[in-house]
Protein backbone atom coordinates (compact mmCIF):
# COMPACT_ATOMS: atom_id res chain seq x y z
CA UNK A 1 -36.08 31.05 -0.28
CA UNK A 2 -35.67 27.46 -1.45
CA UNK A 3 -32.39 27.12 -3.29
CA UNK A 4 -32.80 24.63 -6.12
CA UNK A 5 -29.78 23.54 -8.15
CA UNK A 6 -30.70 25.71 -11.13
CA UNK A 7 -31.17 28.72 -8.85
CA UNK A 8 -27.75 28.17 -7.29
CA UNK A 9 -26.12 28.03 -10.72
CA UNK A 10 -27.91 31.23 -11.65
CA UNK A 11 -26.55 32.85 -8.48
CA UNK A 12 -23.01 31.87 -9.49
CA UNK A 13 -23.60 33.44 -12.91
CA UNK A 14 -24.82 36.69 -11.35
CA UNK A 15 -21.90 36.71 -8.92
CA UNK A 16 -19.43 36.27 -11.76
CA UNK A 17 -20.93 39.27 -13.57
CA UNK A 18 -20.21 41.48 -10.55
CA UNK A 19 -16.42 41.37 -10.85
CA UNK A 20 -16.04 44.11 -8.23
CA UNK A 21 -16.85 41.43 -5.64
CA UNK A 22 -14.07 38.99 -6.52
CA UNK A 23 -11.53 40.59 -8.85
CA UNK A 24 -8.77 42.19 -6.79
CA UNK A 25 -7.62 44.07 -9.92
CA UNK A 26 -10.97 45.83 -10.28
CA UNK A 27 -10.50 49.60 -9.70
CA UNK A 28 -13.37 49.61 -7.17
CA UNK A 29 -12.47 46.34 -5.47
CA UNK A 30 -11.76 48.03 -2.12
CA UNK A 31 -14.76 50.35 -2.36
CA UNK A 32 -17.33 49.05 0.12
CA UNK A 33 -20.09 51.19 -1.35
CA UNK A 34 -19.59 49.70 -4.81
CA UNK A 35 -19.47 46.19 -3.40
CA UNK A 36 -22.68 46.70 -1.45
CA UNK A 37 -24.35 48.02 -4.60
CA UNK A 38 -23.24 44.89 -6.45
CA UNK A 39 -24.67 42.60 -3.75
CA UNK A 40 -27.90 44.60 -3.76
CA UNK A 41 -28.17 44.18 -7.53
CA UNK A 42 -27.81 40.40 -7.21
CA UNK A 43 -30.34 40.26 -4.36
CA UNK A 44 -32.83 42.28 -6.40
CA UNK A 45 -32.65 39.73 -9.22
CA UNK A 46 -33.71 37.00 -6.80
CA UNK A 47 -36.16 39.08 -4.78
CA UNK A 48 -34.48 38.32 -1.46
CA UNK A 49 -32.31 40.14 1.06
CA UNK A 50 -28.67 40.97 0.45
CA UNK A 51 -27.63 39.03 3.56
CA UNK A 52 -29.30 35.86 2.29
CA UNK A 53 -27.57 36.14 -1.08
CA UNK A 54 -24.17 36.64 0.55
CA UNK A 55 -24.67 33.70 2.93
CA UNK A 56 -25.63 31.39 0.08
CA UNK A 57 -22.68 32.43 -2.08
CA UNK A 58 -20.30 31.94 0.86
CA UNK A 59 -21.84 28.51 1.39
CA UNK A 60 -21.30 27.49 -2.24
CA UNK A 61 -17.68 28.67 -2.23
CA UNK A 62 -17.02 26.94 1.09
CA UNK A 63 -18.49 23.68 -0.20
CA UNK A 64 -16.39 23.92 -3.36
CA UNK A 65 -13.17 24.35 -1.41
CA UNK A 66 -14.00 21.39 0.80
CA UNK A 67 -14.85 19.09 -2.10
CA UNK A 68 -11.72 20.13 -3.99
CA UNK A 69 -9.62 19.09 -1.02
CA UNK A 70 -11.47 15.78 -0.51
CA UNK A 71 -11.21 14.83 -4.18
CA UNK A 72 -7.47 15.42 -4.11
CA UNK A 73 -7.09 13.32 -0.94
CA UNK A 74 -8.83 10.34 -2.51
CA UNK A 75 -6.94 10.68 -5.77
CA UNK A 76 -3.60 10.66 -3.95
CA UNK A 77 -4.55 7.86 -1.54
CA UNK A 78 -6.17 5.48 -4.04
CA UNK A 79 -3.92 6.16 -7.02
CA UNK A 80 -6.91 6.57 -9.34
CA UNK A 81 -8.58 9.70 -10.63
CA UNK A 82 -11.54 10.94 -8.56
CA UNK A 83 -14.22 13.15 -10.04
CA UNK A 84 -16.78 15.17 -8.11
CA UNK A 85 -20.49 14.70 -8.87
CA UNK A 86 -21.60 17.78 -6.94
CA UNK A 87 -23.87 19.83 -9.21
CA UNK A 88 -21.95 23.11 -8.84
CA UNK A 89 -18.40 21.77 -8.88
CA UNK A 90 -17.65 22.10 -12.60
CA UNK A 91 -19.27 25.52 -12.76
CA UNK A 92 -17.18 26.86 -9.88
CA UNK A 93 -14.10 25.13 -11.27
CA UNK A 94 -14.56 27.12 -14.48
CA UNK A 95 -15.04 30.29 -12.47
CA UNK A 96 -11.82 29.70 -10.51
CA UNK A 97 -9.93 29.03 -13.75
CA UNK A 98 -11.21 32.32 -15.13
CA UNK A 99 -9.99 34.09 -12.01
CA UNK A 100 -6.47 32.67 -12.47
CA UNK A 101 -5.67 32.60 -16.20
CA UNK A 102 -2.35 30.90 -15.52
CA UNK A 103 -4.17 28.00 -13.85
CA UNK A 104 -4.97 25.06 -16.11
CA UNK A 105 -8.62 24.29 -16.78
CA UNK A 106 -7.86 20.58 -16.87
CA UNK A 107 -9.32 18.99 -13.76
CA UNK A 108 -6.59 16.38 -13.57
CA UNK A 109 -3.88 19.06 -13.60
CA UNK A 110 -5.80 21.34 -11.27
CA UNK A 111 -5.44 18.80 -8.48
CA UNK A 112 -2.26 20.70 -7.61
CA UNK A 113 -4.33 23.80 -6.85
CA UNK A 114 -3.66 25.85 -3.73
CA UNK A 115 -5.73 23.74 -1.31
CA UNK A 116 -4.13 21.79 1.51
CA UNK A 117 -5.40 18.59 3.04
CA UNK A 118 -5.58 20.40 6.39
CA UNK A 119 -7.95 23.09 5.14
CA UNK A 120 -10.86 23.89 7.47
CA UNK A 121 -14.27 23.75 5.80
CA UNK A 122 -17.44 25.03 7.43
CA UNK A 123 -20.35 23.01 6.03
CA UNK A 124 -23.16 25.54 5.87
CA UNK A 125 -25.64 23.58 3.74
CA UNK A 126 -26.31 19.96 4.79
CA UNK A 127 -28.15 19.27 1.54
CA UNK A 128 -25.03 20.06 -0.47
CA UNK A 129 -23.49 16.69 0.26
CA UNK A 130 -21.77 15.69 -3.00
CA UNK A 131 -20.55 12.36 -4.24
CA UNK A 132 -17.16 11.55 -5.62
CA UNK A 133 -16.74 9.20 -8.55
CA UNK A 134 -13.49 7.26 -8.78
CA UNK A 135 -12.34 6.44 -12.26
CA UNK A 136 -9.22 5.88 -14.30
CA UNK A 137 -8.28 7.29 -17.68
CA UNK A 138 -8.16 3.79 -19.16
CA UNK A 139 -11.01 2.32 -17.12
CA UNK A 140 -14.50 1.76 -18.64
CA UNK A 141 -17.24 3.97 -17.24
CA UNK A 142 -19.29 1.04 -16.00
CA UNK A 143 -16.56 0.06 -13.54
CA UNK A 144 -16.52 3.41 -11.75
CA UNK A 145 -17.01 3.42 -7.99
CA UNK A 146 -19.12 6.04 -6.23
CA UNK A 147 -17.99 7.15 -2.77
CA UNK A 148 -19.64 9.57 -0.35
CA UNK A 149 -17.17 12.35 0.37
CA UNK A 150 -17.95 12.15 4.09
CA UNK A 151 -17.02 8.48 4.29
CA UNK A 152 -13.56 7.36 5.35
CA UNK A 153 -11.23 6.12 2.65
CA UNK A 154 -12.20 2.60 1.55
CA UNK A 155 -9.86 -0.34 1.55
CA UNK A 156 -8.18 -0.95 -1.78
CA UNK A 157 -9.93 -4.32 -2.01
CA UNK A 158 -13.24 -2.53 -2.60
CA UNK A 159 -11.92 -0.97 -5.79
CA UNK A 160 -11.77 -3.15 -8.93
CA UNK A 161 -8.30 -4.67 -9.09
CA UNK A 162 -7.77 -3.68 -12.72
CA UNK A 163 -7.71 -0.07 -11.58
CA UNK A 164 -4.91 -0.51 -9.09
CA UNK A 165 -3.06 -3.62 -10.19
CA UNK A 166 0.65 -2.98 -10.45
CA UNK A 167 3.72 -5.15 -10.71
CA UNK A 168 4.81 -6.23 -7.27
CA UNK A 169 2.89 -6.25 -3.98
CA UNK A 170 -0.28 -4.23 -3.62
CA UNK A 171 -0.47 -1.98 -0.59
CA UNK A 172 -3.82 -1.19 0.96
CA UNK A 173 -4.68 2.38 1.88
CA UNK A 174 -4.22 1.73 5.59
CA UNK A 175 -0.59 0.87 4.86
CA UNK A 176 0.11 4.32 3.46
CA UNK A 177 1.83 6.31 6.14
CA UNK A 178 0.68 9.92 6.32
CA UNK A 179 3.20 12.63 5.69
CA UNK A 180 3.40 14.72 8.82
CA UNK A 181 5.38 17.91 9.06
CA UNK A 182 5.51 20.89 11.36
CA UNK A 183 3.47 23.04 8.97
CA UNK A 184 0.63 20.49 8.88
CA UNK A 185 0.63 20.17 12.66
CA UNK A 186 0.60 23.95 13.01
CA UNK A 187 -2.41 24.21 10.67
CA UNK A 188 -4.25 21.49 12.58
CA UNK A 189 -3.65 23.18 15.93
CA UNK A 190 -4.73 26.53 14.57
CA UNK A 191 -7.85 24.93 13.12
CA UNK A 192 -8.79 23.59 16.54
CA UNK A 193 -8.16 27.02 18.04
CA UNK A 194 -10.51 28.64 15.49
CA UNK A 195 -13.17 25.99 16.15
CA UNK A 196 -13.03 26.64 19.91
CA UNK A 197 -13.30 30.38 19.36
CA UNK A 198 -16.30 29.96 17.05
CA UNK A 199 -18.10 27.83 19.63
CA UNK A 200 -17.73 30.63 22.20
CA UNK A 201 -19.74 33.11 20.09
CA UNK A 202 -23.48 33.42 19.74
CA UNK A 203 -25.12 32.37 16.47
CA UNK A 204 -25.13 35.85 14.92
CA UNK A 205 -21.50 36.64 15.73
CA UNK A 206 -20.45 33.15 14.61
CA UNK A 207 -22.13 33.67 11.21
CA UNK A 208 -20.34 37.01 10.75
CA UNK A 209 -16.95 35.52 11.67
CA UNK A 210 -17.50 32.57 9.34
CA UNK A 211 -18.36 34.98 6.54
CA UNK A 212 -15.09 36.87 7.00
CA UNK A 213 -13.09 33.63 7.20
CA UNK A 214 -14.62 32.41 3.94
CA UNK A 215 -13.93 35.78 2.34
CA UNK A 216 -10.28 35.69 3.42
CA UNK A 217 -9.86 32.13 2.11
CA UNK A 218 -11.44 33.09 -1.20
CA UNK A 219 -9.11 36.08 -1.61
CA UNK A 220 -6.14 33.84 -0.81
CA UNK A 221 -7.32 31.32 -3.43
CA UNK A 222 -7.46 34.14 -5.97
CA UNK A 223 -3.85 35.10 -5.24
CA UNK A 224 -4.70 38.42 -3.55
CA UNK A 225 -1.94 38.00 -0.99
CA UNK A 226 0.68 36.39 -3.25
CA UNK A 227 2.42 39.67 -4.06
CA UNK A 228 2.06 41.20 -0.60
CA UNK A 229 4.99 40.97 1.78
CA UNK A 230 5.08 41.66 5.48
CA UNK A 231 8.26 43.28 6.76
CA UNK A 232 8.95 42.52 10.39
CA UNK A 233 10.43 45.35 12.44
């Protein structure tokens, strides 16, 4: 099936209707039979297999998490507000806000969401390569700068000076020293370990493992594990 933008947005709508798939407070959330029935209902609406529907939804959620992290990186590094131009970003942002009522729906405030700059993102759909628009609250629209999210951070000189001009010396982005800590290094090492493990599997097993990783990340984003404690014995 060819996934056009409108079709992808429709898939997100159908997924949102099936709250048993994503709402950990749903009484049947841990019922595999009910979840399978929900996936089957979505697949029937599109006339395709359940596996294809699940893969596409995992892909959209994975892309969203990756873009969210990249937008935050550029906002912090450049000191100006970055806005995603990916077609499904705002729709999924609304969905995430609905999932966490205590989370602000303001995109500027949501930059403090639970994503880290070391998050691993598996890019499943090459065509879903969004753009990021850099703007400032007091900057005219015509002076916005468009940056490909896969590009490295640009030098500050490429951004209009009225966006970043401050009293005192101006520091370029390559002068900003990264904040390194043990937690970040641990995440990076674990990410490499996961990548090596994935490469050792065949294509089918790798797809299954990626699906479960995306599912675990999604549940963590929704706060499923926030109230769960592990007692070491």
